[in-house]
PDB file of all heavy atoms in Angstrom:
ATOM      1  N   PHE A   1       0.804  -1.215   0.000  1.00  0.00           N
ATOM      2  CA  PHE A   1       0.000   0.000   0.000  1.00  0.00           C
ATOM      3  C   PHE A   1       0.843   1.274   0.000  1.00  0.00           C
ATOM      4  O   PHE A   1       0.539   2.227  -0.704  1.00  0.00           O
ATOM      5  CB  PHE A   1      -0.983   0.030   1.178  1.00  0.00           C
ATOM      6  CG  PHE A   1      -1.761   1.308   1.233  1.00  0.00           C
ATOM      7  CD1 PHE A   1      -2.766   1.562   0.315  1.00  0.00           C
ATOM      8  CD2 PHE A   1      -1.475   2.281   2.182  1.00  0.00           C
ATOM      9  CE1 PHE A   1      -3.474   2.753   0.331  1.00  0.00           C
ATOM     10  CE2 PHE A   1      -2.172   3.474   2.212  1.00  0.00           C
ATOM     11  CZ  PHE A   1      -3.181   3.706   1.291  1.00  0.00           C
ATOM     12  N   GLU A   2       1.913   1.302   0.796  1.00  0.00           N
ATOM     13  CA  GLU A   2       2.741   2.502   0.856  1.00  0.00           C
ATOM     14  C   GLU A   2       3.305   2.855  -0.520  1.00  0.00           C
ATOM     15  O   GLU A   2       3.326   4.020  -0.918  1.00  0.00           O
ATOM     16  CB  GLU A   2       3.879   2.358   1.886  1.00  0.00           C
ATOM     17  CG  GLU A   2       3.424   2.496   3.325  1.00  0.00           C
ATOM     18  CD  GLU A   2       2.739   1.238   3.865  1.00  0.00           C
ATOM     19  OE1 GLU A   2       2.857   0.145   3.252  1.00  0.00           O
ATOM     20  OE2 GLU A   2       2.055   1.357   4.899  1.00  0.00           O
ATOM     21  N   ASP A   3       3.761   1.826  -1.247  1.00  0.00           N
ATOM     22  CA  ASP A   3       4.273   2.067  -2.605  1.00  0.00           C
ATOM     23  C   ASP A   3       3.163   2.568  -3.523  1.00  0.00           C
ATOM     24  O   ASP A   3       3.378   3.493  -4.316  1.00  0.00           O
ATOM     25  CB  ASP A   3       4.885   0.785  -3.186  1.00  0.00           C
ATOM     26  CG  ASP A   3       6.169   0.381  -2.486  1.00  0.00           C
ATOM     27  OD1 ASP A   3       6.847   1.270  -1.921  1.00  0.00           O
ATOM     28  OD2 ASP A   3       6.500  -0.820  -2.500  1.00  0.00           O
ATOM     29  N   PHE A   4       1.996   1.954  -3.411  1.00  0.00           N
ATOM     30  CA  PHE A   4       0.850   2.405  -4.206  1.00  0.00           C
ATOM     31  C   PHE A   4       0.554   3.870  -3.905  1.00  0.00           C
ATOM     32  O   PHE A   4       0.374   4.685  -4.808  1.00  0.00           O
ATOM     33  CB  PHE A   4      -0.381   1.536  -3.904  1.00  0.00           C
ATOM     34  CG  PHE A   4      -1.657   2.092  -4.477  1.00  0.00           C
ATOM     35  CD1 PHE A   4      -1.992   1.865  -5.808  1.00  0.00           C
ATOM     36  CD2 PHE A   4      -2.512   2.861  -3.689  1.00  0.00           C
ATOM     37  CE1 PHE A   4      -3.161   2.394  -6.343  1.00  0.00           C
ATOM     38  CE2 PHE A   4      -3.669   3.386  -4.219  1.00  0.00           C
ATOM     39  CZ  PHE A   4      -4.001   3.151  -5.559  1.00  0.00           C
ATOM     40  N   GLN A   5       0.515   4.207  -2.625  1.00  0.00           N
ATOM     41  CA  GLN A   5       0.184   5.566  -2.216  1.00  0.00           C
ATOM     42  C   GLN A   5       1.226   6.572  -2.724  1.00  0.00           C
ATOM     43  O   GLN A   5       0.868   7.652  -3.187  1.00  0.00           O
ATOM     44  CB  GLN A   5       0.069   5.638  -0.694  1.00  0.00           C
ATOM     45  CG  GLN A   5      -0.559   6.910  -0.203  1.00  0.00           C
ATOM     46  CD  GLN A   5      -0.781   6.896   1.298  1.00  0.00           C
ATOM     47  OE1 GLN A   5      -0.158   6.130   2.025  1.00  0.00           O
ATOM     48  NE2 GLN A   5      -1.666   7.753   1.750  1.00  0.00           N
ATOM     49  N   LYS A   6       2.490   6.217  -2.673  1.00  0.00           N
ATOM     50  CA  LYS A   6       3.544   7.110  -3.176  1.00  0.00           C
ATOM     51  C   LYS A   6       3.407   7.300  -4.683  1.00  0.00           C
ATOM     52  O   LYS A   6       3.514   8.407  -5.199  1.00  0.00           O
ATOM     53  CB  LYS A   6       4.926   6.547  -2.852  1.00  0.00           C
ATOM     54  CG  LYS A   6       5.337   6.715  -1.419  1.00  0.00           C
ATOM     55  CD  LYS A   6       6.696   6.073  -1.166  1.00  0.00           C
ATOM     56  CE  LYS A   6       6.989   6.020   0.317  1.00  0.00           C
ATOM     57  NZ  LYS A   6       8.161   5.188   0.611  1.00  0.00           N
ATOM     58  N   THR A   7       3.180   6.206  -5.386  1.00  0.00           N
ATOM     59  CA  THR A   7       3.087   6.255  -6.841  1.00  0.00           C
ATOM     60  C   THR A   7       1.887   7.083  -7.310  1.00  0.00           C
ATOM     61  O   THR A   7       1.986   7.844  -8.267  1.00  0.00           O
ATOM     62  CB  THR A   7       2.974   4.830  -7.425  1.00  0.00           C
ATOM     63  OG1 THR A   7       4.091   4.070  -6.970  1.00  0.00           O
ATOM     64  CG2 THR A   7       2.944   4.848  -8.940  1.00  0.00           C
ATOM     65  N   TYR A   8       0.776   6.946  -6.619  1.00  0.00           N
ATOM     66  CA  TYR A   8      -0.467   7.590  -7.077  1.00  0.00           C
ATOM     67  C   TYR A   8      -0.935   8.723  -6.165  1.00  0.00           C
ATOM     68  O   TYR A   8      -2.098   9.108  -6.201  1.00  0.00           O
ATOM     69  CB  TYR A   8      -1.569   6.534  -7.237  1.00  0.00           C
ATOM     70  CG  TYR A   8      -1.206   5.503  -8.276  1.00  0.00           C
ATOM     71  CD1 TYR A   8      -0.773   4.240  -7.911  1.00  0.00           C
ATOM     72  CD2 TYR A   8      -1.253   5.822  -9.630  1.00  0.00           C
ATOM     73  CE1 TYR A   8      -0.411   3.305  -8.862  1.00  0.00           C
ATOM     74  CE2 TYR A   8      -0.898   4.898 -10.588  1.00  0.00           C
ATOM     75  CZ  TYR A   8      -0.475   3.637 -10.202  1.00  0.00           C
ATOM     76  OH  TYR A   8      -0.117   2.726 -11.164  1.00  0.00           O
ATOM     77  N   ARG A   9      -0.021   9.285  -5.390  1.00  0.00           N
ATOM     78  CA  ARG A   9      -0.366  10.358  -4.455  1.00  0.00           C
ATOM     79  C   ARG A   9      -1.113  11.506  -5.150  1.00  0.00           C
ATOM     80  O   ARG A   9      -2.096  12.015  -4.647  1.00  0.00           O
ATOM     81  CB  ARG A   9       0.878  10.901  -3.767  1.00  0.00           C
ATOM     82  CG  ARG A   9       0.588  12.022  -2.780  1.00  0.00           C
ATOM     83  CD  ARG A   9       1.810  12.488  -2.035  1.00  0.00           C
ATOM     84  NE  ARG A   9       2.543  11.437  -1.353  1.00  0.00           N
ATOM     85  CZ  ARG A   9       2.183  10.869  -0.200  1.00  0.00           C
ATOM     86  NH1 ARG A   9       1.079  11.246   0.393  1.00  0.00           N
ATOM     87  NH2 ARG A   9       2.926   9.942   0.353  1.00  0.00           N
ATOM     88  N   SER A  10      -0.659  11.888  -6.319  1.00  0.00           N
ATOM     89  CA  SER A  10      -1.283  13.017  -7.026  1.00  0.00           C
ATOM     90  C   SER A  10      -2.698  12.682  -7.505  1.00  0.00           C
ATOM     91  O   SER A  10      -3.486  13.576  -7.813  1.00  0.00           O
ATOM     92  CB  SER A  10      -0.425  13.443  -8.212  1.00  0.00           C
ATOM     93  OG  SER A  10      -0.365  12.417  -9.175  1.00  0.00           O
ATOM     94  N   GLU A  11      -3.027  11.407  -7.561  1.00  0.00           N
ATOM     95  CA  GLU A  11      -4.346  10.969  -8.015  1.00  0.00           C
ATOM     96  C   GLU A  11      -5.363  10.899  -6.874  1.00  0.00           C
ATOM     97  O   GLU A  11      -6.554  10.809  -7.112  1.00  0.00           O
ATOM     98  CB  GLU A  11      -4.260   9.571  -8.645  1.00  0.00           C
ATOM     99  CG  GLU A  11      -3.187   9.406  -9.683  1.00  0.00           C
ATOM    100  CD  GLU A  11      -3.483  10.146 -10.964  1.00  0.00           C
ATOM    101  OE1 GLU A  11      -4.654  10.428 -11.237  1.00  0.00           O
ATOM    102  OE2 GLU A  11      -2.528  10.440 -11.698  1.00  0.00           O
ATOM    103  N   MET A  12      -4.860  10.893  -5.658  1.00  0.00           N
ATOM    104  CA  MET A  12      -5.718  10.647  -4.503  1.00  0.00           C
ATOM    105  C   MET A  12      -6.162  11.958  -3.868  1.00  0.00           C
ATOM    106  O   MET A  12      -5.493  12.978  -3.997  1.00  0.00           O
ATOM    107  CB  MET A  12      -4.996   9.752  -3.507  1.00  0.00           C
ATOM    108  CG  MET A  12      -4.592   8.429  -4.146  1.00  0.00           C
ATOM    109  SD  MET A  12      -3.744   7.337  -3.049  1.00  0.00           S
ATOM    110  CE  MET A  12      -5.132   6.520  -2.307  1.00  0.00           C
ATOM    111  N   ILE A  13      -7.280  11.900  -3.178  1.00  0.00           N
ATOM    112  CA  ILE A  13      -7.795  13.073  -2.483  1.00  0.00           C
ATOM    113  C   ILE A  13      -7.626  12.872  -0.990  1.00  0.00           C
ATOM    114  O   ILE A  13      -7.732  11.766  -0.485  1.00  0.00           O
ATOM    115  CB  ILE A  13      -9.267  13.355  -2.852  1.00  0.00           C
ATOM    116  CG1 ILE A  13     -10.129  12.120  -2.678  1.00  0.00           C
ATOM    117  CG2 ILE A  13      -9.371  13.883  -4.257  1.00  0.00           C
ATOM    118  CD1 ILE A  13     -11.561  12.321  -2.976  1.00  0.00           C
ATOM    119  N   GLU A  14      -7.371  13.944  -0.305  1.00  0.00           N
ATOM    120  CA  GLU A  14      -7.054  13.870   1.118  1.00  0.00           C
ATOM    121  C   GLU A  14      -8.259  14.117   2.016  1.00  0.00           C
ATOM    122  O   GLU A  14      -8.363  13.573   3.083  1.00  0.00           O
ATOM    123  CB  GLU A  14      -5.959  14.903   1.456  1.00  0.00           C
ATOM    124  CG  GLU A  14      -4.652  14.663   0.729  1.00  0.00           C
ATOM    125  CD  GLU A  14      -3.989  13.361   1.103  1.00  0.00           C
ATOM    126  OE1 GLU A  14      -4.060  12.954   2.281  1.00  0.00           O
ATOM    127  OE2 GLU A  14      -3.395  12.729   0.217  1.00  0.00           O
ATOM    128  N   SER A  15      -9.159  14.973   1.601  1.00  0.00           N
ATOM    129  CA  SER A  15     -10.232  15.387   2.507  1.00  0.00           C
ATOM    130  C   SER A  15     -11.409  14.422   2.481  1.00  0.00           C
ATOM    131  O   SER A  15     -11.453  13.485   1.699  1.00  0.00           O
ATOM    132  CB  SER A  15     -10.719  16.787   2.110  1.00  0.00           C
ATOM    133  OG  SER A  15     -11.460  16.706   0.913  1.00  0.00           O
ATOM    134  N   GLY A  16     -12.386  14.696   3.351  1.00  0.00           N
ATOM    135  CA  GLY A  16     -13.601  13.906   3.400  1.00  0.00           C
ATOM    136  C   GLY A  16     -14.589  14.306   2.321  1.00  0.00           C
ATOM    137  O   GLY A  16     -15.724  13.856   2.320  1.00  0.00           O
ATOM    138  N   ASP A  17     -14.183  15.180   1.412  1.00  0.00           N
ATOM    139  CA  ASP A  17     -15.072  15.646   0.354  1.00  0.00           C
ATOM    140  C   ASP A  17     -14.891  14.852  -0.937  1.00  0.00           C
ATOM    141  O   ASP A  17     -14.986  15.394  -2.030  1.00  0.00           O
ATOM    142  CB  ASP A  17     -14.842  17.139   0.088  1.00  0.00           C
ATOM    143  CG  ASP A  17     -15.289  18.004   1.248  1.00  0.00           C
ATOM    144  OD1 ASP A  17     -16.104  17.528   2.064  1.00  0.00           O
ATOM    145  OD2 ASP A  17     -14.839  19.150   1.334  1.00  0.00           O
ATOM    146  N   SER A  18     -14.637  13.564  -0.815  1.00  0.00           N
ATOM    147  CA  SER A  18     -14.427  12.737  -2.005  1.00  0.00           C
ATOM    148  C   SER A  18     -15.664  12.733  -2.903  1.00  0.00           C
ATOM    149  O   SER A  18     -15.545  12.582  -4.113  1.00  0.00           O
ATOM    150  CB  SER A  18     -14.063  11.312  -1.605  1.00  0.00           C
ATOM    151  OG  SER A  18     -15.057  10.766  -0.763  1.00  0.00           O
ATOM    152  N   PHE A  19     -16.833  12.965  -2.310  1.00  0.00           N
ATOM    153  CA  PHE A  19     -18.056  13.002  -3.110  1.00  0.00           C
ATOM    154  C   PHE A  19     -18.012  14.138  -4.125  1.00  0.00           C
ATOM    155  O   PHE A  19     -18.574  14.018  -5.210  1.00  0.00           O
ATOM    156  CB  PHE A  19     -19.304  13.109  -2.217  1.00  0.00           C
ATOM    157  CG  PHE A  19     -19.422  14.414  -1.477  1.00  0.00           C
ATOM    158  CD1 PHE A  19     -20.052  15.498  -2.046  1.00  0.00           C
ATOM    159  CD2 PHE A  19     -18.905  14.545  -0.201  1.00  0.00           C
ATOM    160  CE1 PHE A  19     -20.162  16.697  -1.367  1.00  0.00           C
ATOM    161  CE2 PHE A  19     -19.000  15.733   0.491  1.00  0.00           C
ATOM    162  CZ  PHE A  19     -19.637  16.822  -0.096  1.00  0.00           C
ATOM    163  N   VAL A  20     -17.334  15.243  -3.796  1.00  0.00           N
ATOM    164  CA  VAL A  20     -17.221  16.389  -4.713  1.00  0.00           C
ATOM    165  C   VAL A  20     -16.462  15.959  -5.966  1.00  0.00           C
ATOM    166  O   VAL A  20     -16.906  16.200  -7.093  1.00  0.00           O
ATOM    167  CB  VAL A  20     -16.496  17.583  -4.027  1.00  0.00           C
ATOM    168  CG1 VAL A  20     -16.225  18.705  -5.026  1.00  0.00           C
ATOM    169  CG2 VAL A  20     -17.289  18.093  -2.840  1.00  0.00           C
ATOM    170  N   VAL A  21     -15.347  15.302  -5.766  1.00  0.00           N
ATOM    171  CA  VAL A  21     -14.515  14.840  -6.875  1.00  0.00           C
ATOM    172  C   VAL A  21     -15.279  13.798  -7.688  1.00  0.00           C
ATOM    173  O   VAL A  21     -15.311  13.860  -8.924  1.00  0.00           O
ATOM    174  CB  VAL A  21     -13.182  14.258  -6.353  1.00  0.00           C
ATOM    175  CG1 VAL A  21     -12.372  13.647  -7.481  1.00  0.00           C
ATOM    176  CG2 VAL A  21     -12.393  15.331  -5.625  1.00  0.00           C
ATOM    177  N   TYR A  22     -15.921  12.871  -7.011  1.00  0.00           N
ATOM    178  CA  TYR A  22     -16.661  11.817  -7.705  1.00  0.00           C
ATOM    179  C   TYR A  22     -17.799  12.402  -8.543  1.00  0.00           C
ATOM    180  O   TYR A  22     -17.972  12.035  -9.711  1.00  0.00           O
ATOM    181  CB  TYR A  22     -17.204  10.800  -6.697  1.00  0.00           C
ATOM    182  CG  TYR A  22     -17.938   9.655  -7.337  1.00  0.00           C
ATOM    183  CD1 TYR A  22     -17.292   8.793  -8.216  1.00  0.00           C
ATOM    184  CD2 TYR A  22     -19.285   9.438  -7.069  1.00  0.00           C
ATOM    185  CE1 TYR A  22     -17.962   7.742  -8.823  1.00  0.00           C
ATOM    186  CE2 TYR A  22     -19.958   8.385  -7.665  1.00  0.00           C
ATOM    187  CZ  TYR A  22     -19.297   7.546  -8.538  1.00  0.00           C
ATOM    188  OH  TYR A  22     -19.960   6.512  -9.141  1.00  0.00           O
ATOM    189  N   PHE A  23     -18.556  13.336  -7.980  1.00  0.00           N
ATOM    190  CA  PHE A  23     -19.659  13.948  -8.721  1.00  0.00           C
ATOM    191  C   PHE A  23     -19.133  14.631  -9.986  1.00  0.00           C
ATOM    192  O   PHE A  23     -19.687  14.454 -11.069  1.00  0.00           O
ATOM    193  CB  PHE A  23     -20.411  14.953  -7.838  1.00  0.00           C
ATOM    194  CG  PHE A  23     -21.691  15.428  -8.454  1.00  0.00           C
ATOM    195  CD1 PHE A  23     -22.858  14.714  -8.301  1.00  0.00           C
ATOM    196  CD2 PHE A  23     -21.733  16.582  -9.216  1.00  0.00           C
ATOM    197  CE1 PHE A  23     -24.055  15.126  -8.882  1.00  0.00           C
ATOM    198  CE2 PHE A  23     -22.915  17.020  -9.797  1.00  0.00           C
ATOM    199  CZ  PHE A  23     -24.074  16.285  -9.630  1.00  0.00           C
ATOM    200  N   ARG A  24     -18.056  15.360  -9.851  1.00  0.00           N
ATOM    201  CA  ARG A  24     -17.485  16.068 -11.008  1.00  0.00           C
ATOM    202  C   ARG A  24     -16.980  15.095 -12.069  1.00  0.00           C
ATOM    203  O   ARG A  24     -17.129  15.341 -13.268  1.00  0.00           O
ATOM    204  CB  ARG A  24     -16.382  17.014 -10.564  1.00  0.00           C
ATOM    205  CG  ARG A  24     -16.950  18.213  -9.820  1.00  0.00           C
ATOM    206  CD  ARG A  24     -15.892  19.197  -9.419  1.00  0.00           C
ATOM    207  NE  ARG A  24     -16.508  20.282  -8.669  1.00  0.00           N
ATOM    208  CZ  ARG A  24     -15.889  20.974  -7.743  1.00  0.00           C
ATOM    209  NH1 ARG A  24     -14.635  20.725  -7.437  1.00  0.00           N
ATOM    210  NH2 ARG A  24     -16.525  21.944  -7.107  1.00  0.00           N
ATOM    211  N   GLU A  25     -16.382  13.991 -11.623  1.00  0.00           N
ATOM    212  CA  GLU A  25     -15.908  12.969 -12.573  1.00  0.00           C
ATOM    213  C   GLU A  25     -17.076  12.410 -13.391  1.00  0.00           C
ATOM    214  O   GLU A  25     -16.985  12.288 -14.608  1.00  0.00           O
ATOM    215  CB  GLU A  25     -15.252  11.800 -11.836  1.00  0.00           C
ATOM    216  CG  GLU A  25     -13.832  12.004 -11.448  1.00  0.00           C
ATOM    217  CD  GLU A  25     -13.244  10.762 -10.760  1.00  0.00           C
ATOM    218  OE1 GLU A  25     -13.941   9.722 -10.654  1.00  0.00           O
ATOM    219  OE2 GLU A  25     -12.094  10.852 -10.326  1.00  0.00           O
ATOM    220  N   VAL A  26     -18.148  12.071 -12.696  1.00  0.00           N
ATOM    221  CA  VAL A  26     -19.303  11.486 -13.394  1.00  0.00           C
ATOM    222  C   VAL A  26     -19.928  12.510 -14.337  1.00  0.00           C
ATOM    223  O   VAL A  26     -20.274  12.177 -15.476  1.00  0.00           O
ATOM    224  CB  VAL A  26     -20.341  10.930 -12.385  1.00  0.00           C
ATOM    225  CG1 VAL A  26     -21.597  10.458 -13.096  1.00  0.00           C
ATOM    226  CG2 VAL A  26     -19.729   9.786 -11.584  1.00  0.00           C
ATOM    227  N   LEU A  27     -20.043  13.759 -13.883  1.00  0.00           N
ATOM    228  CA  LEU A  27     -20.586  14.808 -14.761  1.00  0.00           C
ATOM    229  C   LEU A  27     -19.748  14.948 -16.025  1.00  0.00           C
ATOM    230  O   LEU A  27     -20.296  15.073 -17.122  1.00  0.00           O
ATOM    231  CB  LEU A  27     -20.611  16.158 -14.042  1.00  0.00           C
ATOM    232  CG  LEU A  27     -21.793  16.497 -13.171  1.00  0.00           C
ATOM    233  CD1 LEU A  27     -21.741  17.960 -12.756  1.00  0.00           C
ATOM    234  CD2 LEU A  27     -23.106  16.184 -13.824  1.00  0.00           C
ATOM    235  N   GLN A  28     -18.443  14.946 -15.846  1.00  0.00           N
ATOM    236  CA  GLN A  28     -17.538  15.086 -16.988  1.00  0.00           C
ATOM    237  C   GLN A  28     -17.712  13.914 -17.958  1.00  0.00           C
ATOM    238  O   GLN A  28     -17.780  14.120 -19.168  1.00  0.00           O
ATOM    239  CB  GLN A  28     -16.101  15.171 -16.489  1.00  0.00           C
ATOM    240  CG  GLN A  28     -15.109  15.534 -17.558  1.00  0.00           C
ATOM    241  CD  GLN A  28     -13.711  15.727 -16.986  1.00  0.00           C
ATOM    242  OE1 GLN A  28     -13.393  15.257 -15.891  1.00  0.00           O
ATOM    243  NE2 GLN A  28     -12.867  16.411 -17.726  1.00  0.00           N
ATOM    244  N   GLU A  29     -17.813  12.700 -17.435  1.00  0.00           N
ATOM    245  CA  GLU A  29     -18.012  11.523 -18.288  1.00  0.00           C
ATOM    246  C   GLU A  29     -19.315  11.614 -19.073  1.00  0.00           C
ATOM    247  O   GLU A  29     -19.403  11.143 -20.195  1.00  0.00           O
ATOM    248  CB  GLU A  29     -18.030  10.252 -17.440  1.00  0.00           C
ATOM    249  CG  GLU A  29     -16.691   9.835 -16.918  1.00  0.00           C
ATOM    250  CD  GLU A  29     -16.785   8.644 -15.957  1.00  0.00           C
ATOM    251  OE1 GLU A  29     -17.843   7.979 -15.900  1.00  0.00           O
ATOM    252  OE2 GLU A  29     -15.795   8.400 -15.240  1.00  0.00           O
ATOM    253  N   LYS A  30     -20.330  12.213 -18.459  1.00  0.00           N
ATOM    254  CA  LYS A  30     -21.653  12.290 -19.089  1.00  0.00           C
ATOM    255  C   LYS A  30     -21.849  13.593 -19.864  1.00  0.00           C
ATOM    256  O   LYS A  30     -22.934  13.844 -20.389  1.00  0.00           O
ATOM    257  CB  LYS A  30     -22.733  12.114 -18.028  1.00  0.00           C
ATOM    258  CG  LYS A  30     -22.662  10.724 -17.396  1.00  0.00           C
ATOM    259  CD  LYS A  30     -23.632  10.548 -16.268  1.00  0.00           C
ATOM    260  CE  LYS A  30     -23.424   9.258 -15.532  1.00  0.00           C
ATOM    261  NZ  LYS A  30     -23.841   8.075 -16.211  1.00  0.00           N
TER     262      LYS A  30
END
């Protein structure tokens, strides 16, 4: 996991607002 986290750190979100990112991703796809 630590290696995964280092490799994809820029892809991950830190806050509890992951729903914001997810909503925007789905909107963009649609």
